Amino acid sequence: MTPAERTGTLQAGVPVDTTDNNELYHWIKNARKADKLVHNKELRIAIKGDSKEEYPTIAKIIKTLQKQEVNKFGLITSLRAVQK
């Protein structure tokens, strides 16, 4: 898929739900393991959202992190433009 085609396509992201088939849980778990093996330090996690994002969605992500005992993470709400 070309970059132009990607901009017109809705990309839902990694599925996260409350069942055992929570893909986000497995992605985070494996990313943390890989980072620990490669860099020998804990992975720093951040959640990015904007004013359009609903709280229940963010709450599911936080709950997924807490299931892995990850209670320290960053919240990114907007990016500031670099002044030239």
Protein backbone atom coordinates (compact mmCIF):
# COMPACT_ATOMS: atom_id res chain seq x y z
CA MET A 1 0.00 0.00 0.00
CA THR A 2 1.40 3.36 -0.97
CA PRO A 3 1.56 6.29 1.49
CA ALA A 4 -1.22 8.03 -0.43
CA GLU A 5 -3.47 4.98 -0.10
CA ARG A 6 -2.75 4.72 3.65
CA THR A 7 -3.92 8.27 4.35
CA GLY A 8 -7.37 7.52 2.94
CA THR A 9 -7.73 4.23 4.82
CA LEU A 10 -9.07 4.00 8.35
CA GLN A 11 -6.48 2.26 10.52
CA ALA A 12 -8.13 0.98 13.67
CA GLY A 13 -4.96 0.00 15.53
CA VAL A 14 -4.24 -3.02 17.69
CA PRO A 15 -7.36 -4.80 19.00
CA VAL A 16 -7.86 -4.48 22.75
CA ASP A 17 -10.71 -6.09 24.62
CA THR A 18 -11.45 -7.66 27.98
CA THR A 19 -11.29 -11.28 26.84
CA ASP A 20 -8.26 -13.56 26.66
CA ASN A 21 -7.77 -12.55 23.02
CA ASN A 22 -6.37 -9.11 23.86
CA GLU A 23 -3.77 -8.54 21.14
CA LEU A 24 -2.49 -5.34 22.76
CA TYR A 25 -1.61 -7.30 25.90
CA HIS A 26 0.58 -9.69 23.89
CA TRP A 27 2.17 -6.88 21.83
CA ILE A 28 3.15 -4.98 24.97
CA LYS A 29 4.39 -8.11 26.75
CA ASN A 30 6.60 -9.15 23.82
CA ALA A 31 7.87 -5.61 23.23
CA ARG A 32 8.87 -5.37 26.90
CA LYS A 33 10.68 -8.73 26.72
CA ALA A 34 12.52 -7.77 23.53
CA ASP A 35 13.57 -4.38 24.89
CA LYS A 36 14.83 -5.98 28.09
CA LEU A 37 16.92 -8.49 26.11
CA VAL A 38 18.34 -5.93 23.67
CA HIS A 39 18.86 -2.90 25.90
CA ASN A 40 18.79 -4.47 29.38
CA LYS A 41 16.33 -1.88 30.68
CA GLU A 42 12.59 -1.49 31.08
CA LEU A 43 10.59 -0.25 28.09
CA ARG A 44 9.16 3.26 28.51
CA ILE A 45 5.51 3.26 27.47
CA ALA A 46 3.39 6.22 26.37
CA ILE A 47 -0.27 6.45 25.39
CA LYS A 48 -1.10 9.00 22.70
CA GLY A 49 -4.57 10.44 22.35
CA ASP A 50 -6.34 13.65 21.48
CA SER A 51 -9.54 15.46 22.42
CA LYS A 52 -11.55 13.20 20.10
CA GLU A 53 -10.52 10.05 21.98
CA GLU A 54 -13.11 8.74 24.41
CA TYR A 55 -12.17 7.88 27.99
CA PRO A 56 -13.33 4.21 27.87
CA THR A 57 -10.79 3.51 25.11
CA ILE A 58 -7.92 4.96 27.15
CA ALA A 59 -9.20 3.14 30.25
CA LYS A 60 -8.98 -0.22 28.40
CA ILE A 61 -5.37 0.50 27.48
CA ILE A 62 -4.50 1.47 31.07
CA LYS A 63 -6.20 -1.69 32.37
CA THR A 64 -4.17 -3.77 29.90
CA LEU A 65 -0.95 -2.15 31.16
CA GLN A 66 -1.92 -2.71 34.80
CA LYS A 67 -2.51 -6.43 34.14
CA GLN A 68 1.24 -6.55 33.42
CA GLU A 69 2.02 -4.46 36.50
CA VAL A 70 2.98 -1.47 34.36
CA ASN A 71 1.83 1.51 36.39
CA LYS A 72 4.29 4.08 35.09
CA PHE A 73 3.58 5.43 31.61
CA GLY A 74 3.30 8.72 29.81
CA LEU A 75 0.19 10.35 28.38
CA ILE A 76 0.69 12.34 25.20
CA THR A 77 -2.20 14.63 24.33
CA SER A 78 -0.84 16.91 21.62
CA LEU A 79 2.35 17.85 19.89
CA ARG A 80 3.69 21.36 19.88
CA ALA A 81 4.85 22.84 16.61
CA VAL A 82 8.54 23.70 16.42
CA GLN A 83 8.99 27.43 16.06
CA LYS A 84 11.52 28.45 13.45
